[in-house]
All heavy atoms as atom14 arrays in JSON, in Angstrom:
{
  "sequence": "GGAERDWLAAERMIDALPAGVGVERYEPPHGLRLLIGR",
  "atom14_mask": [
    [1, 1, 1, 1, 0, 0, 0, 0, 0, 0, 0, 0, 0, 0],
    [1, 1, 1, 1, 0, 0, 0, 0, 0, 0, 0, 0, 0, 0],
    [1, 1, 1, 1, 1, 0, 0, 0, 0, 0, 0, 0, 0, 0],
    [1, 1, 1, 1, 1, 1, 1, 1, 1, 0, 0, 0, 0, 0],
    [1, 1, 1, 1, 1, 1, 1, 1, 1, 1, 1, 0, 0, 0],
    [1, 1, 1, 1, 1, 1, 1, 1, 0, 0, 0, 0, 0, 0],
    [1, 1, 1, 1, 1, 1, 1, 1, 1, 1, 1, 1, 1, 1],
    [1, 1, 1, 1, 1, 1, 1, 1, 0, 0, 0, 0, 0, 0],
    [1, 1, 1, 1, 1, 0, 0, 0, 0, 0, 0, 0, 0, 0],
    [1, 1, 1, 1, 1, 0, 0, 0, 0, 0, 0, 0, 0, 0],
    [1, 1, 1, 1, 1, 1, 1, 1, 1, 0, 0, 0, 0, 0],
    [1, 1, 1, 1, 1, 1, 1, 1, 1, 1, 1, 0, 0, 0],
    [1, 1, 1, 1, 1, 1, 1, 1, 0, 0, 0, 0, 0, 0],
    [1, 1, 1, 1, 1, 1, 1, 1, 0, 0, 0, 0, 0, 0],
    [1, 1, 1, 1, 1, 1, 1, 1, 0, 0, 0, 0, 0, 0],
    [1, 1, 1, 1, 1, 0, 0, 0, 0, 0, 0, 0, 0, 0],
    [1, 1, 1, 1, 1, 1, 1, 1, 0, 0, 0, 0, 0, 0],
    [1, 1, 1, 1, 1, 1, 1, 0, 0, 0, 0, 0, 0, 0],
    [1, 1, 1, 1, 1, 0, 0, 0, 0, 0, 0, 0, 0, 0],
    [1, 1, 1, 1, 0, 0, 0, 0, 0, 0, 0, 0, 0, 0],
    [1, 1, 1, 1, 1, 1, 1, 0, 0, 0, 0, 0, 0, 0],
    [1, 1, 1, 1, 0, 0, 0, 0, 0, 0, 0, 0, 0, 0],
    [1, 1, 1, 1, 1, 1, 1, 0, 0, 0, 0, 0, 0, 0],
    [1, 1, 1, 1, 1, 1, 1, 1, 1, 0, 0, 0, 0, 0],
    [1, 1, 1, 1, 1, 1, 1, 1, 1, 1, 1, 0, 0, 0],
    [1, 1, 1, 1, 1, 1, 1, 1, 1, 1, 1, 1, 0, 0],
    [1, 1, 1, 1, 1, 1, 1, 1, 1, 0, 0, 0, 0, 0],
    [1, 1, 1, 1, 1, 1, 1, 0, 0, 0, 0, 0, 0, 0],
    [1, 1, 1, 1, 1, 1, 1, 0, 0, 0, 0, 0, 0, 0],
    [1, 1, 1, 1, 1, 1, 1, 1, 1, 1, 0, 0, 0, 0],
    [1, 1, 1, 1, 0, 0, 0, 0, 0, 0, 0, 0, 0, 0],
    [1, 1, 1, 1, 1, 1, 1, 1, 0, 0, 0, 0, 0, 0],
    [1, 1, 1, 1, 1, 1, 1, 1, 1, 1, 1, 0, 0, 0],
    [1, 1, 1, 1, 1, 1, 1, 1, 0, 0, 0, 0, 0, 0],
    [1, 1, 1, 1, 1, 1, 1, 1, 0, 0, 0, 0, 0, 0],
    [1, 1, 1, 1, 1, 1, 1, 1, 0, 0, 0, 0, 0, 0],
    [1, 1, 1, 1, 0, 0, 0, 0, 0, 0, 0, 0, 0, 0],
    [1, 1, 1, 1, 1, 1, 1, 1, 1, 1, 1, 0, 0, 0]
  ],
  "atom14_positions": [
    [[55.99, 70.78, 44.57], [55.5, 71.99, 43.91], [55.93, 72.19, 42.49], [55.61, 73.22, 41.9], [0.0, 0.0, 0.0], [0.0, 0.0, 0.0], [0.0, 0.0, 0.0], [0.0, 0.0, 0.0], [0.0, 0.0, 0.0], [0.0, 0.0, 0.0], [0.0, 0.0, 0.0], [0.0, 0.0, 0.0], [0.0, 0.0, 0.0], [0.0, 0.0, 0.0]],
    [[56.63, 71.25, 41.88], [57.08, 71.45, 40.52], [56.52, 70.46, 39.51], [56.91, 70.49, 38.35], [0.0, 0.0, 0.0], [0.0, 0.0, 0.0], [0.0, 0.0, 0.0], [0.0, 0.0, 0.0], [0.0, 0.0, 0.0], [0.0, 0.0, 0.0], [0.0, 0.0, 0.0], [0.0, 0.0, 0.0], [0.0, 0.0, 0.0], [0.0, 0.0, 0.0]],
    [[55.59, 69.61, 39.92], [55.09, 68.54, 39.04], [54.42, 69.15, 37.77], [54.66, 68.65, 36.68], [54.11, 67.65, 39.78], [0.0, 0.0, 0.0], [0.0, 0.0, 0.0], [0.0, 0.0, 0.0], [0.0, 0.0, 0.0], [0.0, 0.0, 0.0], [0.0, 0.0, 0.0], [0.0, 0.0, 0.0], [0.0, 0.0, 0.0], [0.0, 0.0, 0.0]],
    [[53.61, 70.16, 37.96], [52.94, 70.74, 36.79], [53.95, 71.38, 35.83], [53.87, 71.21, 34.62], [51.91, 71.77, 37.23], [51.12, 72.33, 36.07], [50.04, 73.31, 36.49], [49.83, 73.5, 37.71], [49.39, 73.88, 35.62], [0.0, 0.0, 0.0], [0.0, 0.0, 0.0], [0.0, 0.0, 0.0], [0.0, 0.0, 0.0], [0.0, 0.0, 0.0]],
    [[54.92, 72.07, 36.39], [55.95, 72.68, 35.56], [56.75, 71.63, 34.82], [57.06, 71.77, 33.62], [56.87, 73.56, 36.44], [57.9, 74.34, 35.67], [58.72, 75.28, 36.53], [59.17, 74.69, 37.79], [58.79, 75.1, 39.0], [57.97, 76.12, 39.12], [59.24, 74.5, 40.08], [0.0, 0.0, 0.0], [0.0, 0.0, 0.0], [0.0, 0.0, 0.0]],
    [[57.07, 70.52, 35.49], [57.77, 69.4, 34.85], [56.95, 68.84, 33.69], [57.47, 68.56, 32.61], [58.08, 68.27, 35.83], [59.04, 68.69, 36.94], [59.81, 69.65, 36.71], [59.01, 68.06, 37.99], [0.0, 0.0, 0.0], [0.0, 0.0, 0.0], [0.0, 0.0, 0.0], [0.0, 0.0, 0.0], [0.0, 0.0, 0.0], [0.0, 0.0, 0.0]],
    [[55.66, 68.63, 33.93], [54.8, 68.05, 32.92], [54.71, 68.98, 31.7], [54.83, 68.52, 30.56], [53.39, 67.78, 33.48], [52.55, 67.02, 32.51], [51.74, 67.53, 31.54], [52.49, 65.6, 32.38], [51.16, 66.52, 30.84], [51.6, 65.31, 31.33], [53.1, 64.54, 33.04], [51.3, 64.02, 30.93], [52.78, 63.25, 32.65], [51.89, 63.01, 31.6]],
    [[54.52, 70.25, 31.94], [54.41, 71.19, 30.82], [55.72, 71.29, 30.03], [55.69, 71.37, 28.78], [53.98, 72.56, 31.34], [52.57, 72.63, 31.93], [52.32, 73.99, 32.57], [51.52, 72.28, 30.91], [0.0, 0.0, 0.0], [0.0, 0.0, 0.0], [0.0, 0.0, 0.0], [0.0, 0.0, 0.0], [0.0, 0.0, 0.0], [0.0, 0.0, 0.0]],
    [[56.83, 71.26, 30.73], [58.13, 71.27, 30.01], [58.31, 70.0, 29.21], [58.81, 70.04, 28.07], [59.27, 71.42, 31.02], [0.0, 0.0, 0.0], [0.0, 0.0, 0.0], [0.0, 0.0, 0.0], [0.0, 0.0, 0.0], [0.0, 0.0, 0.0], [0.0, 0.0, 0.0], [0.0, 0.0, 0.0], [0.0, 0.0, 0.0], [0.0, 0.0, 0.0]],
    [[57.9, 68.88, 29.75], [57.99, 67.61, 29.03], [57.09, 67.64, 27.79], [57.5, 67.17, 26.71], [57.62, 66.45, 29.95], [0.0, 0.0, 0.0], [0.0, 0.0, 0.0], [0.0, 0.0, 0.0], [0.0, 0.0, 0.0], [0.0, 0.0, 0.0], [0.0, 0.0, 0.0], [0.0, 0.0, 0.0], [0.0, 0.0, 0.0], [0.0, 0.0, 0.0]],
    [[55.9, 68.18, 27.92], [55.02, 68.31, 26.75], [55.67, 69.12, 25.65], [55.6, 68.76, 24.47], [53.69, 68.97, 27.15], [52.71, 68.08, 27.84], [51.4, 68.76, 28.12], [51.35, 70.01, 28.19], [50.4, 68.04, 28.31], [0.0, 0.0, 0.0], [0.0, 0.0, 0.0], [0.0, 0.0, 0.0], [0.0, 0.0, 0.0], [0.0, 0.0, 0.0]],
    [[56.3, 70.22, 26.03], [56.98, 71.06, 25.03], [58.1, 70.28, 24.33], [58.26, 70.39, 23.13], [57.51, 72.34, 25.65], [56.43, 73.34, 25.98], [57.0, 74.69, 26.37], [57.84, 74.61, 27.54], [57.42, 74.69, 28.8], [56.13, 74.84, 29.04], [58.26, 74.63, 29.81], [0.0, 0.0, 0.0], [0.0, 0.0, 0.0], [0.0, 0.0, 0.0]],
    [[58.86, 69.5, 25.1], [59.95, 68.72, 24.52], [59.4, 67.7, 23.53], [59.94, 67.56, 22.42], [60.72, 67.98, 25.61], [61.57, 68.83, 26.47], [62.35, 67.77, 27.7], [63.16, 68.97, 28.71], [0.0, 0.0, 0.0], [0.0, 0.0, 0.0], [0.0, 0.0, 0.0], [0.0, 0.0, 0.0], [0.0, 0.0, 0.0], [0.0, 0.0, 0.0]],
    [[58.35, 66.99, 23.92], [57.81, 65.94, 23.07], [57.11, 66.58, 21.84], [57.23, 66.08, 20.73], [56.83, 65.06, 23.85], [57.55, 64.39, 25.05], [56.19, 64.02, 22.94], [58.83, 63.64, 24.73], [0.0, 0.0, 0.0], [0.0, 0.0, 0.0], [0.0, 0.0, 0.0], [0.0, 0.0, 0.0], [0.0, 0.0, 0.0], [0.0, 0.0, 0.0]],
    [[56.4, 67.69, 22.06], [55.76, 68.37, 20.93], [56.78, 68.89, 19.91], [56.42, 69.06, 18.74], [54.92, 69.56, 21.43], [53.63, 69.09, 22.11], [53.25, 67.92, 21.96], [53.02, 69.92, 22.8], [0.0, 0.0, 0.0], [0.0, 0.0, 0.0], [0.0, 0.0, 0.0], [0.0, 0.0, 0.0], [0.0, 0.0, 0.0], [0.0, 0.0, 0.0]],
    [[57.99, 69.11, 20.34], [59.05, 69.57, 19.42], [59.59, 68.48, 18.53], [60.35, 68.78, 17.6], [60.18, 70.23, 20.23], [0.0, 0.0, 0.0], [0.0, 0.0, 0.0], [0.0, 0.0, 0.0], [0.0, 0.0, 0.0], [0.0, 0.0, 0.0], [0.0, 0.0, 0.0], [0.0, 0.0, 0.0], [0.0, 0.0, 0.0], [0.0, 0.0, 0.0]],
    [[59.23, 67.24, 18.79], [59.67, 66.14, 17.94], [59.12, 66.31, 16.55], [57.99, 66.77, 16.35], [59.19, 64.79, 18.49], [59.83, 64.33, 19.77], [59.13, 63.06, 20.27], [61.3, 64.04, 19.55], [0.0, 0.0, 0.0], [0.0, 0.0, 0.0], [0.0, 0.0, 0.0], [0.0, 0.0, 0.0], [0.0, 0.0, 0.0], [0.0, 0.0, 0.0]],
    [[59.89, 65.91, 15.52], [59.37, 66.0, 14.16], [58.14, 65.06, 13.99], [58.07, 64.02, 14.6], [60.53, 65.48, 13.29], [61.73, 65.5, 14.18], [61.25, 65.44, 15.6], [0.0, 0.0, 0.0], [0.0, 0.0, 0.0], [0.0, 0.0, 0.0], [0.0, 0.0, 0.0], [0.0, 0.0, 0.0], [0.0, 0.0, 0.0], [0.0, 0.0, 0.0]],
    [[57.23, 65.49, 13.12], [56.03, 64.69, 12.85], [56.4, 63.34, 12.29], [57.37, 63.22, 11.52], [55.13, 65.44, 11.89], [0.0, 0.0, 0.0], [0.0, 0.0, 0.0], [0.0, 0.0, 0.0], [0.0, 0.0, 0.0], [0.0, 0.0, 0.0], [0.0, 0.0, 0.0], [0.0, 0.0, 0.0], [0.0, 0.0, 0.0], [0.0, 0.0, 0.0]],
    [[55.68, 62.33, 12.69], [55.9, 60.99, 12.13], [56.95, 60.18, 12.85], [57.24, 59.04, 12.47], [0.0, 0.0, 0.0], [0.0, 0.0, 0.0], [0.0, 0.0, 0.0], [0.0, 0.0, 0.0], [0.0, 0.0, 0.0], [0.0, 0.0, 0.0], [0.0, 0.0, 0.0], [0.0, 0.0, 0.0], [0.0, 0.0, 0.0], [0.0, 0.0, 0.0]],
    [[57.55, 60.71, 13.92], [58.53, 59.94, 14.66], [57.77, 59.02, 15.62], [57.09, 59.48, 16.54], [59.47, 60.86, 15.46], [60.4, 60.02, 16.35], [60.29, 61.7, 14.52], [0.0, 0.0, 0.0], [0.0, 0.0, 0.0], [0.0, 0.0, 0.0], [0.0, 0.0, 0.0], [0.0, 0.0, 0.0], [0.0, 0.0, 0.0], [0.0, 0.0, 0.0]],
    [[57.8, 57.74, 15.35], [57.14, 56.78, 16.21], [57.96, 56.42, 17.42], [59.16, 56.74, 17.48], [0.0, 0.0, 0.0], [0.0, 0.0, 0.0], [0.0, 0.0, 0.0], [0.0, 0.0, 0.0], [0.0, 0.0, 0.0], [0.0, 0.0, 0.0], [0.0, 0.0, 0.0], [0.0, 0.0, 0.0], [0.0, 0.0, 0.0], [0.0, 0.0, 0.0]],
    [[57.35, 55.78, 18.37], [58.04, 55.42, 19.6], [59.26, 54.56, 19.31], [60.33, 54.74, 19.9], [57.07, 54.69, 20.57], [57.82, 54.16, 21.79], [55.96, 55.58, 20.99], [0.0, 0.0, 0.0], [0.0, 0.0, 0.0], [0.0, 0.0, 0.0], [0.0, 0.0, 0.0], [0.0, 0.0, 0.0], [0.0, 0.0, 0.0], [0.0, 0.0, 0.0]],
    [[59.14, 53.63, 18.37], [60.27, 52.75, 18.05], [61.45, 53.51, 17.45], [62.58, 53.06, 17.52], [59.84, 51.59, 17.14], [59.44, 52.0, 15.75], [58.01, 52.54, 15.64], [57.26, 52.5, 16.63], [57.66, 53.04, 14.58], [0.0, 0.0, 0.0], [0.0, 0.0, 0.0], [0.0, 0.0, 0.0], [0.0, 0.0, 0.0], [0.0, 0.0, 0.0]],
    [[61.19, 54.67, 16.87], [62.27, 55.47, 16.27], [62.54, 56.74, 17.1], [63.25, 57.62, 16.67], [61.87, 55.9, 14.86], [61.82, 54.74, 13.9], [61.47, 55.15, 12.49], [62.15, 56.38, 12.12], [61.57, 57.36, 11.42], [60.34, 57.28, 11.03], [62.25, 58.45, 11.11], [0.0, 0.0, 0.0], [0.0, 0.0, 0.0], [0.0, 0.0, 0.0]],
    [[61.95, 56.81, 18.27], [62.06, 57.99, 19.1], [63.5, 58.29, 19.48], [64.19, 57.46, 20.01], [61.21, 57.83, 20.37], [61.42, 58.92, 21.4], [61.07, 60.22, 21.12], [61.97, 58.63, 22.62], [61.26, 61.23, 22.06], [62.16, 59.61, 23.57], [61.79, 60.88, 23.29], [61.99, 61.88, 24.21], [0.0, 0.0, 0.0], [0.0, 0.0, 0.0]],
    [[63.91, 59.48, 19.19], [65.23, 59.97, 19.62], [64.94, 61.28, 20.36], [64.43, 62.23, 19.79], [66.12, 60.24, 18.41], [67.49, 60.7, 18.77], [68.27, 59.69, 19.61], [68.14, 58.49, 19.37], [69.0, 60.11, 20.53], [0.0, 0.0, 0.0], [0.0, 0.0, 0.0], [0.0, 0.0, 0.0], [0.0, 0.0, 0.0], [0.0, 0.0, 0.0]],
    [[65.2, 61.31, 21.67], [64.83, 62.5, 22.43], [65.54, 63.73, 21.95], [66.66, 63.66, 21.44], [65.27, 62.14, 23.86], [66.02, 60.89, 23.8], [65.88, 60.31, 22.43], [0.0, 0.0, 0.0], [0.0, 0.0, 0.0], [0.0, 0.0, 0.0], [0.0, 0.0, 0.0], [0.0, 0.0, 0.0], [0.0, 0.0, 0.0], [0.0, 0.0, 0.0]],
    [[64.88, 64.89, 22.08], [65.53, 66.15, 21.74], [66.82, 66.32, 22.56], [66.97, 65.71, 23.61], [64.51, 67.22, 22.13], [63.23, 66.5, 22.28], [63.55, 65.09, 22.61], [0.0, 0.0, 0.0], [0.0, 0.0, 0.0], [0.0, 0.0, 0.0], [0.0, 0.0, 0.0], [0.0, 0.0, 0.0], [0.0, 0.0, 0.0], [0.0, 0.0, 0.0]],
    [[67.72, 67.12, 22.04], [69.05, 67.28, 22.68], [68.93, 67.55, 24.18], [69.63, 66.92, 24.97], [69.81, 68.41, 21.99], [71.15, 68.66, 22.6], [72.19, 67.76, 22.47], [71.64, 69.67, 23.34], [73.25, 68.22, 23.12], [72.94, 69.38, 23.65], [0.0, 0.0, 0.0], [0.0, 0.0, 0.0], [0.0, 0.0, 0.0], [0.0, 0.0, 0.0]],
    [[68.07, 68.46, 24.6], [67.93, 68.78, 25.99], [67.49, 67.59, 26.84], [68.0, 67.37, 27.92], [0.0, 0.0, 0.0], [0.0, 0.0, 0.0], [0.0, 0.0, 0.0], [0.0, 0.0, 0.0], [0.0, 0.0, 0.0], [0.0, 0.0, 0.0], [0.0, 0.0, 0.0], [0.0, 0.0, 0.0], [0.0, 0.0, 0.0], [0.0, 0.0, 0.0]],
    [[66.61, 66.79, 26.29], [66.15, 65.61, 27.01], [67.24, 64.54, 27.01], [67.42, 63.82, 27.99], [64.87, 65.06, 26.41], [64.21, 63.89, 27.11], [63.96, 64.23, 28.59], [62.9, 63.5, 26.47], [0.0, 0.0, 0.0], [0.0, 0.0, 0.0], [0.0, 0.0, 0.0], [0.0, 0.0, 0.0], [0.0, 0.0, 0.0], [0.0, 0.0, 0.0]],
    [[68.01, 64.41, 25.92], [69.12, 63.46, 25.91], [70.1, 63.77, 27.01], [70.58, 62.9, 27.72], [69.84, 63.5, 24.56], [69.2, 62.67, 23.49], [70.13, 62.43, 22.34], [70.73, 63.64, 21.8], [70.21, 64.35, 20.83], [69.06, 64.03, 20.29], [70.82, 65.43, 20.37], [0.0, 0.0, 0.0], [0.0, 0.0, 0.0], [0.0, 0.0, 0.0]],
    [[70.37, 65.05, 27.19], [71.3, 65.45, 28.27], [70.69, 65.14, 29.62], [71.37, 64.7, 30.52], [71.6, 66.95, 28.18], [72.39, 67.41, 26.96], [72.5, 68.95, 26.96], [73.77, 66.78, 26.93], [0.0, 0.0, 0.0], [0.0, 0.0, 0.0], [0.0, 0.0, 0.0], [0.0, 0.0, 0.0], [0.0, 0.0, 0.0], [0.0, 0.0, 0.0]],
    [[69.4, 65.35, 29.73], [68.71, 65.13, 30.99], [68.71, 63.66, 31.4], [68.96, 63.32, 32.55], [67.26, 65.62, 30.83], [66.36, 65.56, 32.03], [66.91, 66.46, 33.15], [64.96, 65.98, 31.67], [0.0, 0.0, 0.0], [0.0, 0.0, 0.0], [0.0, 0.0, 0.0], [0.0, 0.0, 0.0], [0.0, 0.0, 0.0], [0.0, 0.0, 0.0]],
    [[68.48, 62.77, 30.44], [68.4, 61.35, 30.79], [69.71, 60.62, 30.58], [69.83, 59.45, 30.85], [67.26, 60.64, 30.04], [67.5, 60.66, 28.52], [65.91, 61.23, 30.41], [66.45, 59.9, 27.75], [0.0, 0.0, 0.0], [0.0, 0.0, 0.0], [0.0, 0.0, 0.0], [0.0, 0.0, 0.0], [0.0, 0.0, 0.0], [0.0, 0.0, 0.0]],
    [[70.72, 61.35, 30.05], [72.03, 60.74, 29.88], [72.13, 59.77, 28.73], [72.99, 58.9, 28.71], [0.0, 0.0, 0.0], [0.0, 0.0, 0.0], [0.0, 0.0, 0.0], [0.0, 0.0, 0.0], [0.0, 0.0, 0.0], [0.0, 0.0, 0.0], [0.0, 0.0, 0.0], [0.0, 0.0, 0.0], [0.0, 0.0, 0.0], [0.0, 0.0, 0.0]],
    [[71.25, 59.91, 27.76], [71.27, 59.01, 26.61], [72.27, 59.49, 25.59], [72.29, 60.68, 25.23], [69.89, 58.96, 26.0], [69.76, 58.0, 24.89], [68.33, 57.86, 24.47], [68.24, 56.97, 23.34], [67.15, 56.69, 22.71], [66.0, 57.24, 23.13], [67.1, 55.89, 21.69], [0.0, 0.0, 0.0], [0.0, 0.0, 0.0], [0.0, 0.0, 0.0]]
  ]
}
């Protein structure tokens, strides 16, 4: 029951990335870094 909520939260995190950050230079936002342990 939480898949849609997870997807929308993930979209917000990724949308918050600065413009022009490519995948090779991707540094997750602080909240996502904590989430994935990076």
